[in-house]
C-alpha atoms as a PDB file:
ATOM      1  CA  MET A   1     104.892 112.283  77.783  1.00  0.00           C
ATOM      2  CA  ASN A   2     101.361 110.886  77.495  1.00  0.00           C
ATOM      3  CA  ARG A   3     102.625 107.296  77.569  1.00  0.00           C
ATOM      4  CA  SER A   4     104.843 107.942  80.582  1.00  0.00           C
ATOM      5  CA  VAL A   5     101.951 109.489  82.557  1.00  0.00           C
ATOM      6  CA  PHE A   6      99.765 106.502  81.657  1.00  0.00           C
ATOM      7  CA  ALA A   7     102.497 104.028  82.601  1.00  0.00           C
ATOM      8  CA  LEU A   8     103.090 105.754  85.938  1.00  0.00           C
ATOM      9  CA  SER A   9      99.365 105.762  86.701  1.00  0.00           C
ATOM     10  CA  ALA A  10      99.046 102.102  85.806  1.00  0.00           C
ATOM     11  CA  ALA A  11     101.989 101.252  88.049  1.00  0.00           C
ATOM     12  CA  PHE A  12     100.392 103.062  91.013  1.00  0.00           C
ATOM     13  CA  ALA A  13      97.070 101.316  90.406  1.00  0.00           C
ATOM     14  CA  LEU A  14      98.735  97.905  90.270  1.00  0.00           C
ATOM     15  CA  MET A  15     100.722  98.614  93.456  1.00  0.00           C
ATOM     16  CA  ALA A  16      97.591  99.585  95.350  1.00  0.00           C
ATOM     17  CA  SER A  17      95.523  96.997  97.108  1.00  0.00           C
ATOM     18  CA  PRO A  18      91.786  97.467  97.613  1.00  0.00           C
ATOM     19  CA  VAL A  19      90.865  99.740 100.504  1.00  0.00           C
ATOM     20  CA  LEU A  20      94.059  99.110 102.431  1.00  0.00           C
ATOM     21  CA  ALA A  21      95.400 102.648 102.743  1.00  0.00           C
ATOM     22  CA  HIS A  22      93.766 102.923 106.154  1.00  0.00           C
ATOM     23  CA  THR A  23      94.678  99.713 107.928  1.00  0.00           C
ATOM     24  CA  GLY A  24      97.352 101.036 110.257  1.00  0.00           C
ATOM     25  CA  ALA A  25      99.673  98.232 109.126  1.00  0.00           C
ATOM     26  CA  GLY A  26     103.383  98.698 108.691  1.00  0.00           C
ATOM     27  CA  SER A  27     105.687 101.548 109.624  1.00  0.00           C
ATOM     28  CA  MET A  28     103.724 104.644 110.541  1.00  0.00           C
ATOM     29  CA  SER A  29     106.410 107.276 110.904  1.00  0.00           C
ATOM     30  CA  GLY A  30     108.595 109.370 108.676  1.00  0.00           C
ATOM     31  CA  LEU A  31     108.230 111.130 105.368  1.00  0.00           C
ATOM     32  CA  TRP A  32     108.642 108.045 103.176  1.00  0.00           C
ATOM     33  CA  ALA A  33     106.122 105.992 105.195  1.00  0.00           C
ATOM     34  CA  GLY A  34     103.624 108.835 104.850  1.00  0.00           C
ATOM     35  CA  PHE A  35     104.288 109.107 101.123  1.00  0.00           C
ATOM     36  CA  ALA A  36     103.923 105.364 100.566  1.00  0.00           C
ATOM     37  CA  HIS A  37     100.826 104.936 102.745  1.00  0.00           C
ATOM     38  CA  PRO A  38      98.153 106.389 100.390  1.00  0.00           C
ATOM     39  CA  MET A  39      99.732 104.588  97.424  1.00  0.00           C
ATOM     40  CA  GLY A  40      98.852 101.299  99.103  1.00  0.00           C
ATOM     41  CA  GLY A  41      95.080 101.723  98.878  1.00  0.00           C
ATOM     42  CA  LEU A  42      93.114 101.700  95.662  1.00  0.00           C
ATOM     43  CA  ASP A  43      90.426 103.863  97.285  1.00  0.00           C
ATOM     44  CA  HIS A  44      92.842 106.726  97.865  1.00  0.00           C
ATOM     45  CA  VAL A  45      94.642 106.332  94.525  1.00  0.00           C
ATOM     46  CA  LEU A  46      91.391 106.420  92.533  1.00  0.00           C
ATOM     47  CA  ALA A  47      89.929 109.344  94.486  1.00  0.00           C
ATOM     48  CA  MET A  48      93.093 111.446  94.171  1.00  0.00           C
ATOM     49  CA  VAL A  49      93.486 110.780  90.455  1.00  0.00           C
ATOM     50  CA  ALA A  50      89.784 111.640  90.052  1.00  0.00           C
ATOM     51  CA  VAL A  51      90.333 114.993  91.817  1.00  0.00           C
ATOM     52  CA  GLY A  52      93.030 115.761  89.241  1.00  0.00           C
ATOM     53  CA  VAL A  53      90.786 114.741  86.341  1.00  0.00           C
ATOM     54  CA  LEU A  54      87.948 116.871  87.761  1.00  0.00           C
ATOM     55  CA  ALA A  55      90.326 119.842  88.073  1.00  0.00           C
ATOM     56  CA  ALA A  56      91.394 119.403  84.448  1.00  0.00           C
ATOM     57  CA  GLN A  57      87.770 119.043  83.372  1.00  0.00           C
ATOM     58  CA  SER A  58      86.963 122.373  85.085  1.00  0.00           C
ATOM     59  CA  GLY A  59      90.074 124.044  83.633  1.00  0.00           C
ATOM     60  CA  GLY A  60      91.559 127.475  84.283  1.00  0.00           C
ATOM     61  CA  ARG A  61      92.524 128.243  87.856  1.00  0.00           C
ATOM     62  CA  SER A  62      90.737 125.058  88.939  1.00  0.00           C
ATOM     63  CA  LEU A  63      93.827 123.170  87.784  1.00  0.00           C
ATOM     64  CA  TRP A  64      95.585 124.159  90.971  1.00  0.00           C
ATOM     65  CA  LEU A  65      92.822 125.497  93.244  1.00  0.00           C
ATOM     66  CA  VAL A  66      90.723 122.311  93.249  1.00  0.00           C
ATOM     67  CA  PRO A  67      93.663 120.067  94.267  1.00  0.00           C
ATOM     68  CA  ALA A  68      94.815 122.721  96.763  1.00  0.00           C
ATOM     69  CA  ALA A  69      91.338 122.734  98.345  1.00  0.00           C
ATOM     70  CA  PHE A  70      91.503 118.966  98.682  1.00  0.00           C
ATOM     71  CA  VAL A  71      94.946 118.974 100.301  1.00  0.00           C
ATOM     72  CA  ALA A  72      94.004 121.812 102.689  1.00  0.00           C
ATOM     73  CA  MET A  73      90.815 120.085 103.841  1.00  0.00           C
ATOM     74  CA  MET A  74      92.610 116.745 104.046  1.00  0.00           C
ATOM     75  CA  VAL A  75      95.072 118.353 106.463  1.00  0.00           C
ATOM     76  CA  PHE A  76      92.100 119.705 108.453  1.00  0.00           C
ATOM     77  CA  GLY A  77      90.524 116.240 108.526  1.00  0.00           C
ATOM     78  CA  GLY A  78      93.875 114.791 109.552  1.00  0.00           C
ATOM     79  CA  ALA A  79      94.045 117.222 112.478  1.00  0.00           C
ATOM     80  CA  LEU A  80      90.572 116.079 113.542  1.00  0.00           C
ATOM     81  CA  GLY A  81      91.732 112.459 113.393  1.00  0.00           C
ATOM     82  CA  VAL A  82      94.888 113.160 115.399  1.00  0.00           C
ATOM     83  CA  ALA A  83      92.831 115.041 117.992  1.00  0.00           C
ATOM     84  CA  GLY A  84      90.448 112.103 118.301  1.00  0.00           C
ATOM     85  CA  VAL A  85      87.442 114.091 117.047  1.00  0.00           C
ATOM     86  CA  SER A  86      84.891 111.663 115.667  1.00  0.00           C
ATOM     87  CA  VAL A  87      83.720 111.989 112.068  1.00  0.00           C
ATOM     88  CA  PRO A  88      80.830 109.645 111.264  1.00  0.00           C
ATOM     89  CA  LEU A  89      81.084 107.078 108.483  1.00  0.00           C
ATOM     90  CA  VAL A  90      84.700 107.855 107.615  1.00  0.00           C
ATOM     91  CA  MET A  91      85.409 104.721 105.603  1.00  0.00           C
ATOM     92  CA  LEU A  92      82.103 104.993 103.763  1.00  0.00           C
ATOM     93  CA  GLY A  93      83.038 108.617 102.990  1.00  0.00           C
ATOM     94  CA  VAL A  94      86.452 107.540 101.680  1.00  0.00           C
ATOM     95  CA  VAL A  95      85.085 104.853  99.353  1.00  0.00           C
ATOM     96  CA  GLY A  96      81.997 106.923  98.558  1.00  0.00           C
ATOM     97  CA  SER A  97      84.259 109.723  97.366  1.00  0.00           C
ATOM     98  CA  VAL A  98      85.554 107.410  94.634  1.00  0.00           C
ATOM     99  CA  VAL A  99      81.999 106.741  93.459  1.00  0.00           C
ATOM    100  CA  LEU A 100      80.908 110.386  93.671  1.00  0.00           C
ATOM    101  CA  LEU A 101      83.976 111.863  91.971  1.00  0.00           C
ATOM    102  CA  GLY A 102      83.846 109.247  89.221  1.00  0.00           C
ATOM    103  CA  ALA A 103      80.155 109.940  88.663  1.00  0.00           C
ATOM    104  CA  VAL A 104      80.700 113.705  88.475  1.00  0.00           C
ATOM    105  CA  ILE A 105      83.436 113.185  85.878  1.00  0.00           C
ATOM    106  CA  ALA A 106      81.219 110.754  83.947  1.00  0.00           C
ATOM    107  CA  VAL A 107      78.416 113.321  83.698  1.00  0.00           C
ATOM    108  CA  GLY A 108      80.888 115.478  81.781  1.00  0.00           C
ATOM    109  CA  ARG A 109      79.691 118.894  82.884  1.00  0.00           C
ATOM    110  CA  ARG A 110      82.225 121.496  83.818  1.00  0.00           C
ATOM    111  CA  LEU A 111      81.661 122.414  87.463  1.00  0.00           C
ATOM    112  CA  PRO A 112      82.078 126.011  88.579  1.00  0.00           C
ATOM    113  CA  MET A 113      85.360 126.326  90.437  1.00  0.00           C
ATOM    114  CA  ALA A 114      83.720 127.115  93.801  1.00  0.00           C
ATOM    115  CA  VAL A 115      81.445 124.069  93.521  1.00  0.00           C
ATOM    116  CA  ALA A 116      84.354 121.780  92.579  1.00  0.00           C
ATOM    117  CA  MET A 117      86.422 123.131  95.476  1.00  0.00           C
ATOM    118  CA  ALA A 118      83.558 122.665  97.958  1.00  0.00           C
ATOM    119  CA  LEU A 119      82.903 119.133  96.722  1.00  0.00           C
ATOM    120  CA  VAL A 120      86.481 117.928  96.916  1.00  0.00           C
ATOM    121  CA  GLY A 121      87.034 119.789 100.187  1.00  0.00           C
ATOM    122  CA  ALA A 122      84.111 118.024 101.857  1.00  0.00           C
ATOM    123  CA  LEU A 123      85.319 114.628 100.622  1.00  0.00           C
ATOM    124  CA  ALA A 124      88.886 115.385 101.681  1.00  0.00           C
ATOM    125  CA  VAL A 125      87.862 115.563 105.335  1.00  0.00           C
ATOM    126  CA  PHE A 126      87.099 111.828 105.257  1.00  0.00           C
ATOM    127  CA  HIS A 127      90.444 110.957 103.677  1.00  0.00           C
ATOM    128  CA  GLY A 128      92.320 113.228 106.080  1.00  0.00           C
ATOM    129  CA  HIS A 129      90.539 111.867 109.129  1.00  0.00           C
ATOM    130  CA  ALA A 130      91.311 108.284 108.124  1.00  0.00           C
ATOM    131  CA  HIS A 131      95.008 109.113 107.796  1.00  0.00           C
ATOM    132  CA  GLY A 132      95.135 111.369 110.868  1.00  0.00           C
ATOM    133  CA  ALA A 133      93.549 108.782 113.124  1.00  0.00           C
ATOM    134  CA  GLU A 134      96.473 106.482 112.279  1.00  0.00           C
ATOM    135  CA  MET A 135      99.231 109.095 112.410  1.00  0.00           C
ATOM    136  CA  PRO A 136     101.809 108.702 115.185  1.00  0.00           C
ATOM    137  CA  LEU A 137     101.735 111.497 117.779  1.00  0.00           C
ATOM    138  CA  THR A 138     105.444 112.225 117.498  1.00  0.00           C
ATOM    139  CA  ALA A 139     107.643 114.611 115.567  1.00  0.00           C
ATOM    140  CA  ALA A 140     107.905 111.858 112.945  1.00  0.00           C
ATOM    141  CA  GLY A 141     104.132 112.159 112.638  1.00  0.00           C
ATOM    142  CA  LEU A 142     104.559 115.590 111.062  1.00  0.00           C
ATOM    143  CA  ASP A 143     106.932 114.091 108.505  1.00  0.00           C
ATOM    144  CA  TYR A 144     104.415 111.316 107.949  1.00  0.00           C
ATOM    145  CA  GLY A 145     101.631 113.866 107.358  1.00  0.00           C
ATOM    146  CA  ALA A 146     103.825 115.792 104.930  1.00  0.00           C
ATOM    147  CA  GLY A 147     104.456 112.555 103.040  1.00  0.00           C
ATOM    148  CA  VAL A 148     100.730 111.818 102.796  1.00  0.00           C
ATOM    149  CA  ALA A 149     100.105 115.358 101.495  1.00  0.00           C
ATOM    150  CA  ALA A 150     102.935 115.061  98.942  1.00  0.00           C
ATOM    151  CA  ALA A 151     101.648 111.702  97.669  1.00  0.00           C
ATOM    152  CA  THR A 152      98.146 113.140  97.403  1.00  0.00           C
ATOM    153  CA  ALA A 153      99.401 116.122  95.387  1.00  0.00           C
ATOM    154  CA  LEU A 154     101.345 113.773  93.097  1.00  0.00           C
ATOM    155  CA  LEU A 155      98.225 111.682  92.464  1.00  0.00           C
ATOM    156  CA  HIS A 156      96.285 114.877  91.685  1.00  0.00           C
ATOM    157  CA  ALA A 157      98.999 115.825  89.189  1.00  0.00           C
ATOM    158  CA  ILE A 158      98.767 112.382  87.576  1.00  0.00           C
ATOM    159  CA  GLY A 159      95.005 112.857  87.160  1.00  0.00           C
ATOM    160  CA  ILE A 160      95.536 116.276  85.585  1.00  0.00           C
ATOM    161  CA  GLY A 161      98.228 114.823  83.315  1.00  0.00           C
ATOM    162  CA  LEU A 162      95.999 111.947  82.232  1.00  0.00           C
ATOM    163  CA  ALA A 163      93.101 114.243  81.354  1.00  0.00           C
ATOM    164  CA  MET A 164      95.339 116.667  79.477  1.00  0.00           C
ATOM    165  CA  GLY A 165      97.105 113.805  77.711  1.00  0.00           C
ATOM    166  CA  VAL A 166      93.782 112.413  76.500  1.00  0.00           C
ATOM    167  CA  ARG A 167      92.837 115.879  75.227  1.00  0.00           C
ATOM    168  CA  ARG A 168      96.096 116.204  73.332  1.00  0.00           C
ATOM    169  CA  ALA A 169      95.720 112.728  71.867  1.00  0.00           C
ATOM    170  CA  GLY A 170      92.422 113.585  70.242  1.00  0.00           C
ATOM    171  CA  GLU A 171      90.078 116.516  70.749  1.00  0.00           C
ATOM    172  CA  SER A 172      87.183 114.715  69.082  1.00  0.00           C
ATOM    173  CA  PHE A 173      87.086 111.723  71.422  1.00  0.00           C
ATOM    174  CA  ALA A 174      88.624 113.279  74.561  1.00  0.00           C
ATOM    175  CA  PRO A 175      85.375 114.280  76.314  1.00  0.00           C
ATOM    176  CA  GLN A 176      83.904 110.824  75.818  1.00  0.00           C
ATOM    177  CA  ALA A 177      87.116 109.105  76.913  1.00  0.00           C
ATOM    178  CA  ILE A 178      87.295 111.216  80.075  1.00  0.00           C
ATOM    179  CA  ARG A 179      83.622 110.506  80.823  1.00  0.00           C
ATOM    180  CA  ILE A 180      84.194 106.775  80.325  1.00  0.00           C
ATOM    181  CA  GLY A 181      87.175 107.029  82.664  1.00  0.00           C
ATOM    182  CA  GLY A 182      84.961 108.707  85.253  1.00  0.00           C
ATOM    183  CA  GLY A 183      82.388 105.957  84.912  1.00  0.00           C
ATOM    184  CA  THR A 184      85.111 103.366  85.360  1.00  0.00           C
ATOM    185  CA  ILE A 185      86.307 105.109  88.537  1.00  0.00           C
ATOM    186  CA  ALA A 186      82.741 105.190  89.881  1.00  0.00           C
ATOM    187  CA  ALA A 187      82.263 101.496  89.065  1.00  0.00           C
ATOM    188  CA  ALA A 188      85.535 100.669  90.813  1.00  0.00           C
ATOM    189  CA  GLY A 189      84.292 102.592  93.860  1.00  0.00           C
ATOM    190  CA  VAL A 190      81.097 100.541  93.914  1.00  0.00           C
ATOM    191  CA  ALA A 191      83.182  97.362  93.670  1.00  0.00           C
ATOM    192  CA  LEU A 192      85.326  98.553  96.596  1.00  0.00           C
ATOM    193  CA  MET A 193      82.171  99.131  98.640  1.00  0.00           C
ATOM    194  CA  VAL A 194      80.960  95.622  97.883  1.00  0.00           C
ATOM    195  CA  ILE A 195      84.253  93.876  98.696  1.00  0.00           C
ATOM    196  CA  GLY A 196      85.131  96.237 101.579  1.00  0.00           C
END
């Protein structure tokens, strides 16, 4: 199980190209297009996996409430994007979320559930707005949005699975390994900012 979660995560990371989940390129309608769209950008993949790791780091009900807060606020941000409501610095917020989430994980402190939910919810607005601004204003747009939400939830689940897999592999080194992973995510976010 641990190897399969790792292999799946690695495959998604290799499929993703840097900061390209928000280019508006390609087919923009239907469930599958919506599902595939966030998988095409390393910024989104890293941020969503980090939300899952953060949820696992917080534990308890955070395992599902933290990702649920992200998806709910992403939908809200998407509605703002569809409606043409401006959100300042959206792309900086998207890439910055990778840095911030990675840094929070790297610190290694368990966040209170309400704080973790507020943090990911605020960051989700940027991701949602970026996707919503590109979403087609047709019935297929709803399918597209559902696909984006499903892909996001899957990436959260991968993050949770990775963190739990590391814990099962070795309790003694798990906290350090998760913190190193968070630092790596933050460093990747900085690199995305530089090349973006």
